[in-house]
Structures are given as C-alpha cells and as structure tokens.
Amino acid sequence: MGFRIVTIPFELNKMQFCEDELNKFVMNKKINSYKAEFFQRGGSAFWSVFIDYENIHSPNENTKAMEEALSESDKALFGKLKEWRKEAADKNGFPVYVVCNNKEMLELVKNKPVTLEGLRNVQGFGDKKIENYGKEIVELIKSFVNVE
C-alpha cells in the first residue's frame, strides 16, 4: 500500500488541466481511495489529488495476462498484427517495439478501429504513428473484421 499526492496545474495555453502525470501514475495501480481538492494560487488554478493505492502487476505481466484472455478470433487478429509489425520493423530497420508495443497492439485488438480517426482513440497512437502506419493498420483490421 502507498500514498501519493499529485498536483495538476491548469494550462492556460491549452485551456485544460494537464492530467498526464496522474494518468500515467494510476495506470498500473489499484486505487483504494482518493480525495481531490481544487485550489488557486497566484492567479493559477490547480487540482491536488491524494491517492491511497496498491501496485498491481508490472506492465509485462499485465499484457501477458491480457493476451492470454483474448478470444480465439482476437488472438488471430493479434497474430496478424504481430506479423505486420515485424514486417514494418524489418523494412525500416527498427526493433518491433518502436513500431508498436504489445500493449498498443492489445488496445488495437480490443478497440478494432476501422478509421484513422478511430485509431486516434487508441492509447499510444499520435499523429506521427498514425501518419507512418495508420492506413496499413486500419486496412488490416478492416479486412479481419470484414468491414467495408
């Protein structure tokens, strides 16, 4: 069990709270309880969040368990994505995880995005990755799930 306090500033240039640090922190944690407080200091706005948490599995254990829990058809799609990733990595001279890591591929299998816009909703897929690989991924998923 552990405790953590995360303070989230409001970013005027983006007109939003920057919760990236909080999201990263809670990704592999079981949250037992939390308390959030809003405050202002020197004209700036903040959220301060007190978190009581427990660590859960490491990311590698977590992705392995997620992979094993896939249905047979999802395992087949995951296999096709792994083949595609290997080809893309070999073509560019990259390690496979640079193209797409296992957690991102599991998210692809779970969400099955069939448009580039849908791909934006998959964690780990930003403009650059979508520009480089988006069309290929979307076409692979479309062909697998028979979406026209």
N, C-alpha and C. Protein backbone atom coordinates (compact mmCIF):
# COMPACT_ATOMS: atom_id res chain seq x y z
N MET A 1 0.85 -1.18 0.00
CA MET A 1 0.00 0.00 0.00
C MET A 1 0.90 1.23 0.00
N GLY A 2 0.46 2.27 -0.70
CA GLY A 2 1.22 3.50 -0.75
C GLY A 2 0.29 4.70 -0.83
N PHE A 3 0.88 5.85 -0.71
CA PHE A 3 0.15 7.11 -0.81
C PHE A 3 0.90 8.02 -1.76
N ARG A 4 0.16 8.84 -2.47
CA ARG A 4 0.79 9.79 -3.39
C ARG A 4 -0.10 11.01 -3.49
N ILE A 5 0.53 12.16 -3.58
CA ILE A 5 -0.18 13.41 -3.82
C ILE A 5 0.28 13.93 -5.18
N VAL A 6 -0.67 14.15 -6.06
CA VAL A 6 -0.38 14.67 -7.39
C VAL A 6 -1.08 16.01 -7.52
N THR A 7 -0.34 17.04 -7.91
CA THR A 7 -0.91 18.36 -8.14
C THR A 7 -0.95 18.62 -9.63
N ILE A 8 -2.14 18.95 -10.11
CA ILE A 8 -2.38 19.10 -11.55
C ILE A 8 -2.65 20.58 -11.86
N PRO A 9 -1.76 21.21 -12.61
CA PRO A 9 -1.97 22.64 -12.94
C PRO A 9 -2.92 22.81 -14.13
N PHE A 10 -3.56 23.96 -14.16
CA PHE A 10 -4.36 24.34 -15.32
C PHE A 10 -3.42 25.03 -16.30
N GLU A 11 -3.40 24.54 -17.55
CA GLU A 11 -2.53 25.13 -18.56
C GLU A 11 -3.35 26.09 -19.42
N LEU A 12 -3.05 27.38 -19.26
CA LEU A 12 -3.81 28.40 -19.98
C LEU A 12 -3.69 28.26 -21.49
N ASN A 13 -2.49 27.93 -21.99
CA ASN A 13 -2.31 27.84 -23.44
C ASN A 13 -3.14 26.71 -24.05
N LYS A 14 -3.42 25.66 -23.29
CA LYS A 14 -4.24 24.55 -23.77
C LYS A 14 -5.68 24.64 -23.28
N MET A 15 -5.91 25.50 -22.32
CA MET A 15 -7.22 25.68 -21.70
C MET A 15 -7.75 24.37 -21.11
N GLN A 16 -6.84 23.66 -20.41
CA GLN A 16 -7.24 22.41 -19.77
C GLN A 16 -6.27 22.07 -18.65
N PHE A 17 -6.70 21.15 -17.79
CA PHE A 17 -5.81 20.64 -16.77
C PHE A 17 -4.94 19.56 -17.40
N CYS A 18 -3.67 19.55 -17.04
CA CYS A 18 -2.72 18.59 -17.60
C CYS A 18 -2.65 17.37 -16.68
N GLU A 19 -3.49 16.39 -16.96
CA GLU A 19 -3.60 15.23 -16.08
C GLU A 19 -2.72 14.06 -16.51
N ASP A 20 -1.78 14.28 -17.44
CA ASP A 20 -0.92 13.20 -17.93
C ASP A 20 -0.17 12.47 -16.81
N GLU A 21 0.42 13.22 -15.90
CA GLU A 21 1.18 12.60 -14.81
C GLU A 21 0.28 11.70 -13.97
N LEU A 22 -0.93 12.17 -13.68
CA LEU A 22 -1.88 11.38 -12.88
C LEU A 22 -2.28 10.11 -13.63
N ASN A 23 -2.59 10.25 -14.91
CA ASN A 23 -2.98 9.08 -15.70
C ASN A 23 -1.87 8.05 -15.78
N LYS A 24 -0.64 8.49 -15.98
CA LYS A 24 0.50 7.57 -16.01
C LYS A 24 0.66 6.85 -14.68
N PHE A 25 0.51 7.60 -13.60
CA PHE A 25 0.72 7.02 -12.28
C PHE A 25 -0.31 5.94 -11.96
N VAL A 26 -1.58 6.19 -12.26
CA VAL A 26 -2.63 5.24 -11.87
C VAL A 26 -2.78 4.05 -12.82
N MET A 27 -2.05 4.08 -13.94
CA MET A 27 -2.21 3.06 -14.97
C MET A 27 -2.09 1.63 -14.43
N ASN A 28 -1.13 1.36 -13.57
CA ASN A 28 -0.95 0.00 -13.06
C ASN A 28 -1.12 -0.04 -11.55
N LYS A 29 -2.10 0.71 -11.07
CA LYS A 29 -2.38 0.77 -9.64
C LYS A 29 -3.83 0.42 -9.36
N LYS A 30 -4.07 -0.16 -8.20
CA LYS A 30 -5.43 -0.33 -7.70
C LYS A 30 -5.66 0.83 -6.75
N ILE A 31 -6.62 1.67 -7.08
CA ILE A 31 -6.89 2.85 -6.25
C ILE A 31 -7.87 2.44 -5.14
N ASN A 32 -7.41 2.54 -3.91
CA ASN A 32 -8.27 2.22 -2.77
C ASN A 32 -9.19 3.38 -2.43
N SER A 33 -8.62 4.58 -2.47
CA SER A 33 -9.43 5.79 -2.22
C SER A 33 -8.64 6.99 -2.73
N TYR A 34 -9.34 8.08 -2.91
CA TYR A 34 -8.69 9.31 -3.32
C TYR A 34 -9.51 10.49 -2.82
N LYS A 35 -8.85 11.63 -2.75
CA LYS A 35 -9.54 12.86 -2.40
C LYS A 35 -8.95 13.96 -3.25
N ALA A 36 -9.80 14.68 -3.95
CA ALA A 36 -9.35 15.76 -4.83
C ALA A 36 -9.80 17.09 -4.26
N GLU A 37 -8.92 18.06 -4.30
CA GLU A 37 -9.21 19.42 -3.83
C GLU A 37 -8.79 20.41 -4.90
N PHE A 38 -9.64 21.36 -5.17
CA PHE A 38 -9.34 22.43 -6.11
C PHE A 38 -8.81 23.61 -5.32
N PHE A 39 -7.75 24.27 -5.86
CA PHE A 39 -7.26 25.48 -5.20
C PHE A 39 -6.66 26.41 -6.24
N GLN A 40 -6.51 27.67 -5.82
CA GLN A 40 -5.89 28.68 -6.67
C GLN A 40 -4.75 29.31 -5.90
N ARG A 41 -3.67 29.63 -6.64
CA ARG A 41 -2.53 30.30 -6.02
C ARG A 41 -1.94 31.24 -7.06
N GLY A 42 -1.81 32.49 -6.72
CA GLY A 42 -1.20 33.47 -7.61
C GLY A 42 -1.90 33.56 -8.96
N GLY A 43 -3.21 33.44 -8.97
CA GLY A 43 -3.95 33.54 -10.22
C GLY A 43 -3.96 32.26 -11.05
N SER A 44 -3.32 31.20 -10.57
CA SER A 44 -3.31 29.92 -11.29
C SER A 44 -4.20 28.92 -10.56
N ALA A 45 -4.81 28.01 -11.34
CA ALA A 45 -5.72 27.02 -10.78
C ALA A 45 -5.04 25.64 -10.77
N PHE A 46 -5.37 24.86 -9.72
CA PHE A 46 -4.78 23.53 -9.56
C PHE A 46 -5.80 22.56 -8.97
N TRP A 47 -5.62 21.29 -9.28
CA TRP A 47 -6.26 20.20 -8.56
C TRP A 47 -5.15 19.48 -7.82
N SER A 48 -5.38 19.17 -6.57
CA SER A 48 -4.45 18.36 -5.81
C SER A 48 -5.19 17.08 -5.44
N VAL A 49 -4.59 15.93 -5.78
CA VAL A 49 -5.26 14.65 -5.58
C VAL A 49 -4.40 13.79 -4.66
N PHE A 50 -5.00 13.38 -3.54
CA PHE A 50 -4.36 12.46 -2.60
C PHE A 50 -4.85 11.05 -2.96
N ILE A 51 -3.92 10.13 -3.20
CA ILE A 51 -4.28 8.79 -3.66
C ILE A 51 -3.74 7.73 -2.71
N ASP A 52 -4.62 6.86 -2.25
CA ASP A 52 -4.25 5.67 -1.49
C ASP A 52 -4.32 4.52 -2.49
N TYR A 53 -3.17 3.84 -2.73
CA TYR A 53 -3.13 2.86 -3.82
C TYR A 53 -2.33 1.62 -3.45
N GLU A 54 -2.50 0.60 -4.30
CA GLU A 54 -1.69 -0.61 -4.23
C GLU A 54 -1.16 -0.87 -5.63
N ASN A 55 0.09 -1.30 -5.72
CA ASN A 55 0.64 -1.69 -7.01
C ASN A 55 -0.02 -2.99 -7.46
N ILE A 56 -0.30 -3.06 -8.75
CA ILE A 56 -0.76 -4.34 -9.29
C ILE A 56 0.36 -4.88 -10.16
N HIS A 57 0.07 -5.65 -11.13
CA HIS A 57 1.08 -6.32 -11.93
C HIS A 57 1.95 -5.33 -12.69
N SER A 58 3.17 -5.78 -12.99
CA SER A 58 4.04 -4.99 -13.84
C SER A 58 3.42 -4.94 -15.23
N PRO A 59 3.80 -3.95 -16.06
CA PRO A 59 3.22 -3.86 -17.40
C PRO A 59 3.40 -5.14 -18.22
N ASN A 60 4.56 -5.82 -18.12
CA ASN A 60 4.77 -7.04 -18.88
C ASN A 60 3.84 -8.15 -18.43
N GLU A 61 3.66 -8.31 -17.11
CA GLU A 61 2.74 -9.32 -16.60
C GLU A 61 1.32 -9.00 -17.04
N ASN A 62 0.99 -7.73 -16.98
CA ASN A 62 -0.36 -7.29 -17.34
C ASN A 62 -0.66 -7.58 -18.80
N THR A 63 0.26 -7.26 -19.72
CA THR A 63 -0.01 -7.50 -21.13
C THR A 63 -0.05 -8.99 -21.42
N LYS A 64 0.77 -9.79 -20.74
CA LYS A 64 0.75 -11.24 -20.94
C LYS A 64 -0.61 -11.80 -20.52
N ALA A 65 -1.11 -11.36 -19.39
CA ALA A 65 -2.43 -11.82 -18.92
C ALA A 65 -3.53 -11.37 -19.88
N MET A 66 -3.42 -10.14 -20.38
CA MET A 66 -4.41 -9.63 -21.33
C MET A 66 -4.39 -10.45 -22.61
N GLU A 67 -3.19 -10.80 -23.07
CA GLU A 67 -3.05 -11.58 -24.30
C GLU A 67 -3.67 -12.97 -24.12
N GLU A 68 -3.43 -13.59 -22.97
CA GLU A 68 -3.97 -14.92 -22.72
C GLU A 68 -5.49 -14.91 -22.60
N ALA A 69 -6.06 -13.78 -22.21
CA ALA A 69 -7.51 -13.69 -22.02
C ALA A 69 -8.28 -13.40 -23.32
N LEU A 70 -7.56 -13.20 -24.43
CA LEU A 70 -8.22 -12.89 -25.70
C LEU A 70 -9.04 -14.08 -26.20
N SER A 71 -10.13 -13.79 -26.91
CA SER A 71 -10.90 -14.83 -27.58
C SER A 71 -10.06 -15.39 -28.71
N GLU A 72 -10.49 -16.49 -29.29
CA GLU A 72 -9.73 -17.10 -30.38
C GLU A 72 -9.62 -16.16 -31.57
N SER A 73 -10.71 -15.49 -31.92
CA SER A 73 -10.66 -14.57 -33.07
C SER A 73 -9.76 -13.37 -32.77
N ASP A 74 -9.79 -12.89 -31.53
CA ASP A 74 -8.90 -11.78 -31.17
C ASP A 74 -7.44 -12.22 -31.14
N LYS A 75 -7.19 -13.46 -30.74
CA LYS A 75 -5.81 -13.98 -30.79
C LYS A 75 -5.32 -14.04 -32.23
N ALA A 76 -6.21 -14.40 -33.15
CA ALA A 76 -5.83 -14.45 -34.56
C ALA A 76 -5.50 -13.06 -35.07
N LEU A 77 -6.31 -12.06 -34.71
CA LEU A 77 -6.03 -10.68 -35.11
C LEU A 77 -4.71 -10.21 -34.50
N PHE A 78 -4.49 -10.54 -33.25
CA PHE A 78 -3.25 -10.17 -32.59
C PHE A 78 -2.06 -10.78 -33.34
N GLY A 79 -2.20 -12.02 -33.75
CA GLY A 79 -1.14 -12.68 -34.53
C GLY A 79 -0.87 -11.97 -35.85
N LYS A 80 -1.94 -11.56 -36.54
CA LYS A 80 -1.79 -10.82 -37.82
C LYS A 80 -1.10 -9.49 -37.57
N LEU A 81 -1.46 -8.82 -36.50
CA LEU A 81 -0.82 -7.54 -36.17
C LEU A 81 0.66 -7.74 -35.85
N LYS A 82 1.00 -8.83 -35.17
CA LYS A 82 2.40 -9.12 -34.88
C LYS A 82 3.19 -9.36 -36.17
N GLU A 83 2.59 -10.08 -37.12
CA GLU A 83 3.25 -10.31 -38.41
C GLU A 83 3.48 -8.99 -39.14
N TRP A 84 2.43 -8.15 -39.16
CA TRP A 84 2.55 -6.85 -39.82
C TRP A 84 3.65 -6.01 -39.15
N ARG A 85 3.65 -6.01 -37.81
CA ARG A 85 4.63 -5.21 -37.06
C ARG A 85 6.05 -5.66 -37.39
N LYS A 86 6.28 -6.95 -37.46
CA LYS A 86 7.61 -7.49 -37.77
C LYS A 86 8.05 -7.03 -39.16
N GLU A 87 7.14 -7.11 -40.13
CA GLU A 87 7.46 -6.66 -41.50
C GLU A 87 7.78 -5.17 -41.52
N ALA A 88 6.97 -4.37 -40.84
CA ALA A 88 7.19 -2.92 -40.81
C ALA A 88 8.52 -2.59 -40.12
N ALA A 89 8.83 -3.29 -39.04
CA ALA A 89 10.08 -3.05 -38.32
C ALA A 89 11.28 -3.44 -39.18
N ASP A 90 11.20 -4.60 -39.82
CA ASP A 90 12.29 -5.05 -40.68
C ASP A 90 12.52 -4.08 -41.84
N LYS A 91 11.42 -3.62 -42.44
CA LYS A 91 11.51 -2.70 -43.58
C LYS A 91 12.21 -1.40 -43.19
N ASN A 92 11.97 -0.93 -41.97
CA ASN A 92 12.55 0.34 -41.51
C ASN A 92 13.81 0.17 -40.69
N GLY A 93 14.19 -1.07 -40.40
CA GLY A 93 15.40 -1.30 -39.60
C GLY A 93 15.22 -0.95 -38.14
N PHE A 94 13.99 -1.05 -37.62
CA PHE A 94 13.68 -0.74 -36.23
C PHE A 94 13.44 -2.01 -35.45
N PRO A 95 13.60 -1.97 -34.12
CA PRO A 95 13.07 -3.06 -33.30
C PRO A 95 11.53 -3.00 -33.35
N VAL A 96 10.88 -4.13 -33.17
CA VAL A 96 9.42 -4.18 -33.31
C VAL A 96 8.70 -3.24 -32.35
N TYR A 97 9.22 -3.07 -31.13
CA TYR A 97 8.53 -2.24 -30.14
C TYR A 97 8.51 -0.75 -30.53
N VAL A 98 9.40 -0.34 -31.43
CA VAL A 98 9.38 1.05 -31.90
C VAL A 98 8.17 1.27 -32.80
N VAL A 99 7.83 0.28 -33.58
CA VAL A 99 6.66 0.37 -34.46
C VAL A 99 5.40 0.38 -33.61
N CYS A 100 5.29 -0.57 -32.70
CA CYS A 100 4.08 -0.70 -31.88
C CYS A 100 4.38 -1.70 -30.77
N ASN A 101 4.16 -1.32 -29.52
CA ASN A 101 4.44 -2.27 -28.44
C ASN A 101 3.23 -3.19 -28.21
N ASN A 102 3.42 -4.23 -27.42
CA ASN A 102 2.35 -5.22 -27.21
C ASN A 102 1.11 -4.61 -26.59
N LYS A 103 1.29 -3.68 -25.67
CA LYS A 103 0.12 -3.05 -25.03
C LYS A 103 -0.69 -2.28 -26.07
N GLU A 104 -0.02 -1.56 -26.95
CA GLU A 104 -0.73 -0.83 -28.01
C GLU A 104 -1.45 -1.79 -28.94
N MET A 105 -0.80 -2.91 -29.26
CA MET A 105 -1.44 -3.88 -30.15
C MET A 105 -2.65 -4.52 -29.47
N LEU A 106 -2.57 -4.77 -28.18
CA LEU A 106 -3.73 -5.29 -27.46
C LEU A 106 -4.88 -4.29 -27.48
N GLU A 107 -4.55 -3.01 -27.38
CA GLU A 107 -5.58 -1.97 -27.48
C GLU A 107 -6.21 -1.96 -28.87
N LEU A 108 -5.38 -2.18 -29.91
CA LEU A 108 -5.91 -2.27 -31.27
C LEU A 108 -6.90 -3.42 -31.38
N VAL A 109 -6.55 -4.57 -30.82
CA VAL A 109 -7.42 -5.74 -30.87
C VAL A 109 -8.72 -5.46 -30.10
N LYS A 110 -8.60 -4.84 -28.96
CA LYS A 110 -9.77 -4.54 -28.13
C LYS A 110 -10.70 -3.55 -28.82
N ASN A 111 -10.14 -2.48 -29.39
CA ASN A 111 -10.96 -1.40 -29.97
C ASN A 111 -11.30 -1.62 -31.44
N LYS A 112 -10.47 -2.36 -32.16
CA LYS A 112 -10.66 -2.63 -33.59
C LYS A 112 -11.04 -1.37 -34.39
N PRO A 113 -10.20 -0.34 -34.37
CA PRO A 113 -10.52 0.88 -35.12
C PRO A 113 -10.45 0.63 -36.63
N VAL A 114 -11.47 1.09 -37.35
CA VAL A 114 -11.51 0.88 -38.80
C VAL A 114 -11.42 2.19 -39.57
N THR A 115 -11.08 3.26 -38.85
CA THR A 115 -10.82 4.57 -39.48
C THR A 115 -9.58 5.17 -38.82
N LEU A 116 -8.97 6.11 -39.51
CA LEU A 116 -7.82 6.81 -38.92
C LEU A 116 -8.25 7.60 -37.70
N GLU A 117 -9.45 8.15 -37.74
CA GLU A 117 -9.97 8.90 -36.59
C GLU A 117 -10.16 7.96 -35.39
N GLY A 118 -10.67 6.76 -35.65
CA GLY A 118 -10.83 5.77 -34.59
C GLY A 118 -9.50 5.37 -33.99
N LEU A 119 -8.47 5.35 -34.81
CA LEU A 119 -7.13 4.99 -34.36
C LEU A 119 -6.60 6.02 -33.36
N ARG A 120 -7.05 7.26 -33.49
CA ARG A 120 -6.62 8.32 -32.55
C ARG A 120 -7.09 8.03 -31.12
N ASN A 121 -8.13 7.22 -30.98
CA ASN A 121 -8.65 6.89 -29.65
C ASN A 121 -7.89 5.76 -28.98
N VAL A 122 -6.93 5.17 -29.67
CA VAL A 122 -6.14 4.09 -29.11
C VAL A 122 -4.91 4.68 -28.44
N GLN A 123 -4.73 4.37 -27.16
CA GLN A 123 -3.60 4.91 -26.41
C GLN A 123 -2.30 4.50 -27.08
N GLY A 124 -1.42 5.49 -27.28
CA GLY A 124 -0.13 5.25 -27.91
C GLY A 124 -0.09 5.66 -29.37
N PHE A 125 -1.24 6.05 -29.93
CA PHE A 125 -1.29 6.42 -31.33
C PHE A 125 -1.51 7.92 -31.47
N GLY A 126 -0.42 8.60 -31.79
CA GLY A 126 -0.47 10.04 -32.05
C GLY A 126 -0.33 10.29 -33.53
N ASP A 127 -0.19 11.54 -33.90
CA ASP A 127 -0.12 11.94 -35.30
C ASP A 127 0.97 11.21 -36.07
N LYS A 128 2.16 11.11 -35.50
CA LYS A 128 3.30 10.52 -36.22
C LYS A 128 3.07 9.03 -36.48
N LYS A 129 2.65 8.31 -35.47
CA LYS A 129 2.43 6.87 -35.65
C LYS A 129 1.28 6.62 -36.62
N ILE A 130 0.25 7.44 -36.57
CA ILE A 130 -0.87 7.29 -37.49
C ILE A 130 -0.42 7.62 -38.91
N GLU A 131 0.39 8.67 -39.05
CA GLU A 131 0.91 9.03 -40.37
C GLU A 131 1.75 7.90 -40.95
N ASN A 132 2.60 7.29 -40.11
CA ASN A 132 3.51 6.25 -40.59
C ASN A 132 2.84 4.91 -40.83
N TYR A 133 1.89 4.53 -39.98
CA TYR A 133 1.35 3.17 -40.02
C TYR A 133 -0.17 3.08 -40.05
N GLY A 134 -0.85 4.20 -39.89
CA GLY A 134 -2.29 4.18 -39.72
C GLY A 134 -3.07 3.47 -40.81
N LYS A 135 -2.78 3.82 -42.07
CA LYS A 135 -3.54 3.22 -43.18
C LYS A 135 -3.37 1.71 -43.20
N GLU A 136 -2.15 1.23 -43.00
CA GLU A 136 -1.90 -0.21 -43.01
C GLU A 136 -2.65 -0.91 -41.88
N ILE A 137 -2.61 -0.33 -40.70
CA ILE A 137 -3.27 -0.94 -39.54
C ILE A 137 -4.78 -0.98 -39.76
N VAL A 138 -5.35 0.14 -40.19
CA VAL A 138 -6.80 0.22 -40.40
C VAL A 138 -7.23 -0.79 -41.47
N GLU A 139 -6.47 -0.89 -42.55
CA GLU A 139 -6.81 -1.85 -43.61
C GLU A 139 -6.72 -3.28 -43.10
N LEU A 140 -5.69 -3.58 -42.32
CA LEU A 140 -5.56 -4.92 -41.76
C LEU A 140 -6.76 -5.26 -40.87
N ILE A 141 -7.12 -4.34 -40.00
CA ILE A 141 -8.26 -4.58 -39.09
C ILE A 141 -9.55 -4.69 -39.88
N LYS A 142 -9.75 -3.80 -40.87
CA LYS A 142 -10.96 -3.86 -41.71
C LYS A 142 -11.08 -5.22 -42.38
N SER A 143 -10.00 -5.70 -42.96
CA SER A 143 -10.05 -6.98 -43.66
C SER A 143 -10.33 -8.13 -42.69
N PHE A 144 -9.87 -7.98 -41.48
CA PHE A 144 -10.05 -9.04 -40.48
C PHE A 144 -11.48 -9.07 -39.96
N VAL A 145 -12.07 -7.90 -39.75
CA VAL A 145 -13.43 -7.85 -39.19
C VAL A 145 -14.49 -7.69 -40.27
N ASN A 146 -14.07 -7.76 -41.54
CA ASN A 146 -15.00 -7.69 -42.68
C ASN A 146 -15.85 -6.43 -42.69
N VAL A 147 -15.21 -5.30 -42.49
CA VAL A 147 -15.90 -4.01 -42.55
C VAL A 147 -15.53 -3.34 -43.86
N GLU A 148 -16.50 -2.86 -44.59
CA GLU A 148 -16.25 -2.17 -45.85
C GLU A 148 -16.34 -0.68 -45.66
